[in-house]
Amino acid sequence: MRLAAVFAFLALAACGADGEPERPEPRETGPGVRFDVSGSAGIGVASR
């Protein structure tokens, strides 16, 4: 049970570790329907 509590604490502590969220730049949309998905995800420890 303690391991689960430590994991939950570490997961919550990592939220927002890289700073405030940034709004993406607006894109121009043309006529019609367009659906794009892009992005990235990662997990781990990094130093800058």
N, C-alpha and C. Protein backbone atom coordinates (compact mmCIF):
# COMPACT_ATOMS: atom_id res chain seq x y z
N MET A 1 0.82 -1.19 0.00
CA MET A 1 0.00 0.00 0.00
C MET A 1 0.87 1.26 0.00
N ARG A 2 1.97 1.22 0.71
CA ARG A 2 2.86 2.38 0.75
C ARG A 2 3.47 2.67 -0.61
N LEU A 3 3.79 1.60 -1.35
CA LEU A 3 4.37 1.78 -2.69
C LEU A 3 3.37 2.49 -3.60
N ALA A 4 2.11 2.15 -3.51
CA ALA A 4 1.07 2.81 -4.31
C ALA A 4 0.96 4.29 -3.93
N ALA A 5 1.05 4.59 -2.66
CA ALA A 5 0.98 5.99 -2.21
C ALA A 5 2.17 6.78 -2.71
N VAL A 6 3.36 6.18 -2.67
CA VAL A 6 4.56 6.87 -3.16
C VAL A 6 4.45 7.09 -4.66
N PHE A 7 3.98 6.09 -5.40
CA PHE A 7 3.83 6.24 -6.85
C PHE A 7 2.83 7.34 -7.18
N ALA A 8 1.70 7.38 -6.45
CA ALA A 8 0.70 8.42 -6.69
C ALA A 8 1.26 9.80 -6.39
N PHE A 9 2.03 9.92 -5.32
CA PHE A 9 2.64 11.21 -4.98
C PHE A 9 3.61 11.66 -6.06
N LEU A 10 4.45 10.76 -6.54
CA LEU A 10 5.42 11.10 -7.58
C LEU A 10 4.73 11.45 -8.90
N ALA A 11 3.66 10.76 -9.23
CA ALA A 11 2.92 11.06 -10.46
C ALA A 11 2.30 12.45 -10.39
N LEU A 12 1.73 12.80 -9.23
CA LEU A 12 1.14 14.13 -9.09
C LEU A 12 2.21 15.21 -9.02
N ALA A 13 3.36 14.92 -8.44
CA ALA A 13 4.43 15.90 -8.34
C ALA A 13 5.01 16.21 -9.72
N ALA A 14 4.93 15.27 -10.65
CA ALA A 14 5.49 15.48 -11.98
C ALA A 14 4.59 16.35 -12.85
N CYS A 15 3.35 16.54 -12.48
CA CYS A 15 2.43 17.35 -13.28
C CYS A 15 2.93 18.80 -13.30
N GLY A 16 3.13 19.33 -14.48
CA GLY A 16 3.57 20.70 -14.61
C GLY A 16 5.03 20.91 -14.29
N ALA A 17 5.83 19.86 -14.29
CA ALA A 17 7.24 19.98 -13.93
C ALA A 17 8.03 20.78 -14.96
N ASP A 18 7.53 20.86 -16.19
CA ASP A 18 8.27 21.58 -17.23
C ASP A 18 7.79 23.02 -17.38
N GLY A 19 6.94 23.50 -16.50
CA GLY A 19 6.49 24.88 -16.54
C GLY A 19 5.02 25.01 -16.89
N GLU A 20 4.60 26.24 -17.09
CA GLU A 20 3.21 26.51 -17.43
C GLU A 20 2.89 25.98 -18.83
N PRO A 21 1.66 25.56 -19.07
CA PRO A 21 1.28 25.12 -20.41
C PRO A 21 1.31 26.28 -21.39
N GLU A 22 1.65 25.98 -22.63
CA GLU A 22 1.73 27.01 -23.66
C GLU A 22 0.65 26.76 -24.71
N ARG A 23 -0.02 27.84 -25.11
CA ARG A 23 -1.07 27.74 -26.12
C ARG A 23 -0.43 27.62 -27.51
N PRO A 24 -0.90 26.68 -28.35
CA PRO A 24 -0.32 26.55 -29.68
C PRO A 24 -0.68 27.74 -30.55
N GLU A 25 0.13 27.99 -31.58
CA GLU A 25 -0.12 29.09 -32.49
C GLU A 25 -1.36 28.78 -33.33
N PRO A 26 -2.22 29.79 -33.54
CA PRO A 26 -3.42 29.54 -34.35
C PRO A 26 -3.06 29.26 -35.80
N ARG A 27 -3.85 28.38 -36.43
CA ARG A 27 -3.63 28.05 -37.84
C ARG A 27 -4.81 28.57 -38.66
N GLU A 28 -4.52 28.94 -39.88
CA GLU A 28 -5.58 29.36 -40.78
C GLU A 28 -6.31 28.11 -41.27
N THR A 29 -7.62 28.19 -41.32
CA THR A 29 -8.40 27.07 -41.82
C THR A 29 -9.06 27.48 -43.12
N GLY A 30 -9.05 26.60 -44.05
CA GLY A 30 -9.68 26.84 -45.35
C GLY A 30 -11.06 26.23 -45.39
N PRO A 31 -11.66 26.24 -46.57
CA PRO A 31 -12.99 25.63 -46.70
C PRO A 31 -12.93 24.11 -46.53
N GLY A 32 -14.01 23.53 -46.06
CA GLY A 32 -14.07 22.09 -45.89
C GLY A 32 -13.76 21.68 -44.46
N VAL A 33 -13.67 20.37 -44.27
CA VAL A 33 -13.41 19.82 -42.95
C VAL A 33 -12.01 19.24 -42.94
N ARG A 34 -11.25 19.56 -41.95
CA ARG A 34 -9.88 19.06 -41.85
C ARG A 34 -9.66 18.57 -40.43
N PHE A 35 -9.04 17.43 -40.31
CA PHE A 35 -8.79 16.85 -39.00
C PHE A 35 -7.33 16.46 -38.92
N ASP A 36 -6.56 17.14 -38.09
CA ASP A 36 -5.14 16.85 -37.90
C ASP A 36 -4.90 16.53 -36.44
N VAL A 37 -4.04 15.54 -36.22
CA VAL A 37 -3.63 15.20 -34.87
C VAL A 37 -2.12 15.19 -34.85
N SER A 38 -1.53 15.90 -33.91
CA SER A 38 -0.08 15.90 -33.77
C SER A 38 0.26 16.15 -32.31
N GLY A 39 1.48 15.83 -31.97
CA GLY A 39 1.91 16.06 -30.60
C GLY A 39 2.98 15.09 -30.19
N SER A 40 3.33 15.13 -28.93
CA SER A 40 4.34 14.22 -28.41
C SER A 40 4.03 13.94 -26.94
N ALA A 41 4.55 12.84 -26.48
CA ALA A 41 4.37 12.46 -25.08
C ALA A 41 5.64 11.79 -24.60
N GLY A 42 5.91 11.92 -23.34
CA GLY A 42 7.10 11.28 -22.79
C GLY A 42 6.97 11.12 -21.28
N ILE A 43 7.76 10.23 -20.78
CA ILE A 43 7.77 10.01 -19.35
C ILE A 43 9.21 9.72 -18.93
N GLY A 44 9.60 10.21 -17.82
CA GLY A 44 10.96 9.98 -17.34
C GLY A 44 11.52 11.19 -16.64
N VAL A 45 12.82 11.17 -16.46
CA VAL A 45 13.53 12.24 -15.77
C VAL A 45 14.51 12.85 -16.76
N ALA A 46 14.50 14.18 -16.85
CA ALA A 46 15.40 14.86 -17.78
C ALA A 46 15.97 16.09 -17.08
N SER A 47 17.14 16.48 -17.51
CA SER A 47 17.74 17.71 -17.00
C SER A 47 18.06 18.61 -18.17
N ARG A 48 17.98 19.90 -17.94
CA ARG A 48 18.24 20.85 -19.02
C ARG A 48 19.54 21.54 -18.80
